Structure formats: C-alpha cells, structure tokens
Amino acid sequence: AARLRAEGREEAARIRAATDRDVTIIGAEANETAERTRGIGDGERAQIFARAYGRDPEFAAFYRSMRAYEAAIPEGRQVIIPPEGEFFRYMRDKEGGGR
C-alpha cells in the first residue's frame, strides 16, 4: 500500500510539473501574441493620425496642443489661463488658429 501511495505521489508530482510547464509556455505565447497585436494596432493608429493630420494640419496642431496641456496639468488642479495666451489661439475666431 505504501508503495502504491508513493507511486501515486510521484505521478502527481510529474503531472503538476508538466502542467506548470504548459501554463508557463501558454502564458508566454499569449504575451507574445498580445505584444505583436498591440504593435500592429499602434502602427495602424499612427497611420490614421498621420492621414488625419495631413488633411488638416491646423487641427493636428490644435490636438497636439490639447494633449500637451492634458499631460502637463495634473488632474484636479485648477489653472488660470489668460485668453490671449497660446491655449486659446485656436479659439479666437471661427476659422481657428487666428492670432
């Protein structure tokens, strides 16, 4: 009986090791696929932005400006910006971009 239990424990250990190995391999493959897919998506995003910016360079400048403000001003922080400053450059007239 002890021999059978020992053999069972050995077999259980082999099965667990094989399962752990498989989990590691599957996880690594999934991460690789995710990174590759993310890279493809980032590339397509860049192409879309490039085409959009090419169609409307003024909008592109406005959008980059807004993103820069978003990144520079901490969330929840109140900032007073004078209307004659660069921030409002695109909002001074209906055409946008007016000075």
N, C-alpha and C. Protein backbone atom coordinates (compact mmCIF):
# COMPACT_ATOMS: atom_id res chain seq x y z
N ALA A 1 0.83 -1.19 0.00
CA ALA A 1 0.00 0.00 0.00
C ALA A 1 0.87 1.26 0.00
N ALA A 2 1.95 1.22 0.81
CA ALA A 2 2.84 2.38 0.87
C ALA A 2 3.50 2.61 -0.48
N ARG A 3 3.87 1.53 -1.15
CA ARG A 3 4.50 1.65 -2.48
C ARG A 3 3.52 2.29 -3.46
N LEU A 4 2.27 1.91 -3.44
CA LEU A 4 1.26 2.48 -4.34
C LEU A 4 1.05 3.97 -4.06
N ARG A 5 1.02 4.33 -2.77
CA ARG A 5 0.87 5.74 -2.42
C ARG A 5 2.08 6.54 -2.89
N ALA A 6 3.27 5.99 -2.74
CA ALA A 6 4.49 6.67 -3.18
C ALA A 6 4.48 6.84 -4.70
N GLU A 7 4.07 5.80 -5.41
CA GLU A 7 3.98 5.90 -6.87
C GLU A 7 2.94 6.95 -7.28
N GLY A 8 1.84 7.00 -6.55
CA GLY A 8 0.79 7.98 -6.83
C GLY A 8 1.30 9.40 -6.60
N ARG A 9 2.06 9.60 -5.52
CA ARG A 9 2.63 10.92 -5.26
C ARG A 9 3.63 11.31 -6.34
N GLU A 10 4.43 10.35 -6.79
CA GLU A 10 5.38 10.61 -7.88
C GLU A 10 4.65 11.02 -9.15
N GLU A 11 3.63 10.27 -9.49
CA GLU A 11 2.86 10.56 -10.70
C GLU A 11 2.18 11.94 -10.57
N ALA A 12 1.65 12.25 -9.40
CA ALA A 12 1.02 13.55 -9.16
C ALA A 12 2.04 14.67 -9.34
N ALA A 13 3.27 14.47 -8.84
CA ALA A 13 4.32 15.47 -8.98
C ALA A 13 4.68 15.67 -10.45
N ARG A 14 4.77 14.58 -11.22
CA ARG A 14 5.06 14.69 -12.66
C ARG A 14 3.94 15.45 -13.38
N ILE A 15 2.71 15.14 -13.02
CA ILE A 15 1.58 15.82 -13.67
C ILE A 15 1.59 17.31 -13.34
N ARG A 16 1.84 17.66 -12.07
CA ARG A 16 1.90 19.07 -11.68
C ARG A 16 3.03 19.79 -12.40
N ALA A 17 4.19 19.15 -12.52
CA ALA A 17 5.32 19.78 -13.21
C ALA A 17 4.99 20.01 -14.68
N ALA A 18 4.38 19.02 -15.32
CA ALA A 18 4.01 19.17 -16.72
C ALA A 18 2.97 20.28 -16.88
N THR A 19 2.03 20.34 -15.96
CA THR A 19 1.01 21.39 -16.02
C THR A 19 1.62 22.76 -15.81
N ASP A 20 2.53 22.89 -14.85
CA ASP A 20 3.20 24.17 -14.61
C ASP A 20 3.98 24.61 -15.85
N ARG A 21 4.68 23.65 -16.49
CA ARG A 21 5.42 23.96 -17.70
C ARG A 21 4.47 24.44 -18.80
N ASP A 22 3.36 23.73 -18.98
CA ASP A 22 2.39 24.11 -20.00
C ASP A 22 1.80 25.49 -19.74
N VAL A 23 1.50 25.77 -18.49
CA VAL A 23 0.96 27.09 -18.13
C VAL A 23 1.96 28.18 -18.47
N THR A 24 3.24 27.96 -18.17
CA THR A 24 4.28 28.94 -18.47
C THR A 24 4.40 29.16 -19.98
N ILE A 25 4.40 28.08 -20.74
CA ILE A 25 4.53 28.19 -22.20
C ILE A 25 3.32 28.90 -22.79
N ILE A 26 2.12 28.52 -22.38
CA ILE A 26 0.91 29.14 -22.91
C ILE A 26 0.87 30.63 -22.55
N GLY A 27 1.25 30.97 -21.33
CA GLY A 27 1.29 32.37 -20.92
C GLY A 27 2.28 33.18 -21.74
N ALA A 28 3.45 32.61 -21.98
CA ALA A 28 4.47 33.32 -22.78
C ALA A 28 3.98 33.52 -24.20
N GLU A 29 3.36 32.50 -24.77
CA GLU A 29 2.83 32.63 -26.14
C GLU A 29 1.72 33.67 -26.20
N ALA A 30 0.87 33.69 -25.19
CA ALA A 30 -0.21 34.68 -25.14
C ALA A 30 0.36 36.09 -25.04
N ASN A 31 1.37 36.28 -24.20
CA ASN A 31 2.00 37.60 -24.08
C ASN A 31 2.64 38.03 -25.38
N GLU A 32 3.30 37.09 -26.06
CA GLU A 32 3.93 37.41 -27.34
C GLU A 32 2.87 37.84 -28.36
N THR A 33 1.77 37.10 -28.42
CA THR A 33 0.70 37.44 -29.35
C THR A 33 0.10 38.80 -29.01
N ALA A 34 -0.10 39.06 -27.73
CA ALA A 34 -0.66 40.34 -27.30
C ALA A 34 0.26 41.50 -27.68
N GLU A 35 1.55 41.33 -27.46
CA GLU A 35 2.51 42.39 -27.81
C GLU A 35 2.54 42.64 -29.31
N ARG A 36 2.51 41.57 -30.08
CA ARG A 36 2.51 41.70 -31.54
C ARG A 36 1.24 42.42 -32.00
N THR A 37 0.10 42.02 -31.45
CA THR A 37 -1.18 42.65 -31.80
C THR A 37 -1.18 44.12 -31.39
N ARG A 38 -0.67 44.41 -30.21
CA ARG A 38 -0.59 45.80 -29.74
C ARG A 38 0.30 46.63 -30.67
N GLY A 39 1.40 46.05 -31.12
CA GLY A 39 2.29 46.75 -32.04
C GLY A 39 1.60 47.05 -33.37
N ILE A 40 0.87 46.09 -33.88
CA ILE A 40 0.13 46.30 -35.14
C ILE A 40 -0.89 47.41 -34.95
N GLY A 41 -1.62 47.37 -33.84
CA GLY A 41 -2.61 48.41 -33.55
C GLY A 41 -1.98 49.78 -33.42
N ASP A 42 -0.85 49.86 -32.75
CA ASP A 42 -0.14 51.15 -32.61
C ASP A 42 0.29 51.68 -33.97
N GLY A 43 0.75 50.79 -34.82
CA GLY A 43 1.16 51.20 -36.17
C GLY A 43 -0.01 51.74 -36.98
N GLU A 44 -1.14 51.03 -36.91
CA GLU A 44 -2.33 51.49 -37.62
C GLU A 44 -2.82 52.83 -37.06
N ARG A 45 -2.75 52.97 -35.76
CA ARG A 45 -3.15 54.23 -35.12
C ARG A 45 -2.28 55.38 -35.64
N ALA A 46 -0.99 55.15 -35.71
CA ALA A 46 -0.09 56.18 -36.19
C ALA A 46 -0.40 56.56 -37.64
N GLN A 47 -0.71 55.56 -38.46
CA GLN A 47 -1.06 55.85 -39.86
C GLN A 47 -2.34 56.66 -39.95
N ILE A 48 -3.32 56.31 -39.14
CA ILE A 48 -4.59 57.05 -39.14
C ILE A 48 -4.37 58.49 -38.73
N PHE A 49 -3.59 58.69 -37.66
CA PHE A 49 -3.30 60.06 -37.23
C PHE A 49 -2.53 60.82 -38.31
N ALA A 50 -1.57 60.17 -38.93
CA ALA A 50 -0.79 60.85 -39.97
C ALA A 50 -1.69 61.29 -41.12
N ARG A 51 -2.60 60.43 -41.54
CA ARG A 51 -3.53 60.80 -42.62
C ARG A 51 -4.43 61.95 -42.19
N ALA A 52 -4.95 61.86 -40.97
CA ALA A 52 -5.84 62.91 -40.47
C ALA A 52 -5.09 64.23 -40.33
N TYR A 53 -3.89 64.17 -39.80
CA TYR A 53 -3.11 65.39 -39.64
C TYR A 53 -2.74 65.98 -40.99
N GLY A 54 -2.50 65.13 -41.97
CA GLY A 54 -2.18 65.61 -43.31
C GLY A 54 -3.35 66.34 -43.95
N ARG A 55 -4.56 65.88 -43.65
CA ARG A 55 -5.75 66.53 -44.20
C ARG A 55 -6.01 67.88 -43.56
N ASP A 56 -5.68 67.99 -42.27
CA ASP A 56 -5.99 69.21 -41.54
C ASP A 56 -4.86 69.52 -40.56
N PRO A 57 -3.77 70.10 -41.06
CA PRO A 57 -2.61 70.38 -40.20
C PRO A 57 -2.95 71.31 -39.02
N GLU A 58 -3.89 72.22 -39.23
CA GLU A 58 -4.28 73.13 -38.16
C GLU A 58 -4.94 72.36 -37.01
N PHE A 59 -5.81 71.41 -37.36
CA PHE A 59 -6.42 70.57 -36.33
C PHE A 59 -5.36 69.73 -35.63
N ALA A 60 -4.40 69.24 -36.41
CA ALA A 60 -3.33 68.44 -35.82
C ALA A 60 -2.57 69.24 -34.77
N ALA A 61 -2.28 70.48 -35.08
CA ALA A 61 -1.57 71.34 -34.13
C ALA A 61 -2.43 71.58 -32.89
N PHE A 62 -3.73 71.82 -33.12
CA PHE A 62 -4.66 72.03 -32.00
C PHE A 62 -4.72 70.79 -31.12
N TYR A 63 -4.86 69.64 -31.74
CA TYR A 63 -4.99 68.39 -30.99
C TYR A 63 -3.72 68.12 -30.18
N ARG A 64 -2.56 68.30 -30.78
CA ARG A 64 -1.31 68.09 -30.05
C ARG A 64 -1.20 69.08 -28.88
N SER A 65 -1.66 70.30 -29.11
CA SER A 65 -1.63 71.31 -28.04
C SER A 65 -2.52 70.88 -26.88
N MET A 66 -3.71 70.40 -27.19
CA MET A 66 -4.63 69.95 -26.14
C MET A 66 -4.06 68.76 -25.38
N ARG A 67 -3.45 67.84 -26.09
CA ARG A 67 -2.84 66.68 -25.44
C ARG A 67 -1.69 67.11 -24.52
N ALA A 68 -0.93 68.10 -24.96
CA ALA A 68 0.18 68.59 -24.15
C ALA A 68 -0.35 69.22 -22.86
N TYR A 69 -1.41 70.00 -22.96
CA TYR A 69 -2.00 70.58 -21.75
C TYR A 69 -2.52 69.48 -20.84
N GLU A 70 -3.17 68.49 -21.42
CA GLU A 70 -3.71 67.39 -20.62
C GLU A 70 -2.59 66.67 -19.86
N ALA A 71 -1.47 66.49 -20.52
CA ALA A 71 -0.35 65.79 -19.88
C ALA A 71 0.35 66.68 -18.84
N ALA A 72 0.36 67.98 -19.07
CA ALA A 72 1.13 68.88 -18.21
C ALA A 72 0.39 69.32 -16.95
N ILE A 73 -0.94 69.34 -17.02
CA ILE A 73 -1.71 69.84 -15.89
C ILE A 73 -2.25 68.65 -15.10
N PRO A 74 -1.85 68.51 -13.86
CA PRO A 74 -2.31 67.37 -13.05
C PRO A 74 -3.83 67.37 -12.89
N GLU A 75 -4.40 66.18 -12.86
CA GLU A 75 -5.84 66.05 -12.69
C GLU A 75 -6.26 66.67 -11.37
N GLY A 76 -7.35 67.42 -11.42
CA GLY A 76 -7.87 68.06 -10.22
C GLY A 76 -7.25 69.42 -9.94
N ARG A 77 -6.21 69.77 -10.65
CA ARG A 77 -5.52 71.05 -10.45
C ARG A 77 -6.26 72.13 -11.23
N GLN A 78 -6.49 73.26 -10.61
CA GLN A 78 -7.12 74.38 -11.30
C GLN A 78 -6.02 75.30 -11.80
N VAL A 79 -6.16 75.71 -13.05
CA VAL A 79 -5.17 76.57 -13.68
C VAL A 79 -5.90 77.74 -14.32
N ILE A 80 -5.38 78.92 -14.13
CA ILE A 80 -5.94 80.11 -14.76
C ILE A 80 -5.08 80.44 -15.96
N ILE A 81 -5.74 80.46 -17.11
CA ILE A 81 -5.02 80.71 -18.37
C ILE A 81 -5.60 81.97 -19.01
N PRO A 82 -4.76 82.96 -19.30
CA PRO A 82 -5.28 84.19 -19.90
C PRO A 82 -5.79 83.92 -21.33
N PRO A 83 -6.88 84.57 -21.72
CA PRO A 83 -7.46 84.30 -23.03
C PRO A 83 -6.55 84.69 -24.20
N GLU A 84 -5.60 85.57 -23.95
CA GLU A 84 -4.70 85.95 -25.05
C GLU A 84 -3.51 85.01 -25.18
N GLY A 85 -3.44 84.00 -24.32
CA GLY A 85 -2.33 83.04 -24.36
C GLY A 85 -2.47 82.03 -25.49
N GLU A 86 -1.44 81.22 -25.62
CA GLU A 86 -1.41 80.20 -26.68
C GLU A 86 -2.54 79.18 -26.57
N PHE A 87 -2.97 78.91 -25.35
CA PHE A 87 -4.01 77.90 -25.15
C PHE A 87 -5.26 78.23 -25.96
N PHE A 88 -5.62 79.50 -26.02
CA PHE A 88 -6.84 79.92 -26.72
C PHE A 88 -6.58 80.34 -28.17
N ARG A 89 -5.39 80.14 -28.65
CA ARG A 89 -5.03 80.54 -30.00
C ARG A 89 -6.02 79.98 -31.03
N TYR A 90 -6.43 78.76 -30.86
CA TYR A 90 -7.30 78.11 -31.84
C TYR A 90 -8.77 78.48 -31.66
N MET A 91 -9.08 79.22 -30.61
CA MET A 91 -10.47 79.53 -30.33
C MET A 91 -10.78 81.02 -30.50
N ARG A 92 -9.85 81.77 -31.00
CA ARG A 92 -10.05 83.21 -31.11
C ARG A 92 -11.02 83.61 -32.21
N ASP A 93 -11.10 82.81 -33.25
CA ASP A 93 -12.07 83.10 -34.30
C ASP A 93 -12.66 81.81 -34.83
N LYS A 94 -13.70 81.92 -35.64
CA LYS A 94 -14.41 80.74 -36.14
C LYS A 94 -13.51 79.84 -36.98
N GLU A 95 -12.56 80.41 -37.66
CA GLU A 95 -11.69 79.63 -38.54
C GLU A 95 -10.66 78.84 -37.75
N GLY A 96 -10.41 79.24 -36.52
CA GLY A 96 -9.40 78.57 -35.71
C GLY A 96 -8.02 79.03 -36.10
N GLY A 97 -7.13 78.97 -35.18
CA GLY A 97 -5.75 79.31 -35.48
C GLY A 97 -5.50 80.79 -35.63
N GLY A 98 -6.53 81.62 -35.45
CA GLY A 98 -6.34 83.06 -35.62
C GLY A 98 -5.50 83.65 -34.51
N ARG A 99 -4.82 84.72 -34.82
CA ARG A 99 -3.99 85.39 -33.82
C ARG A 99 -4.54 86.75 -33.53
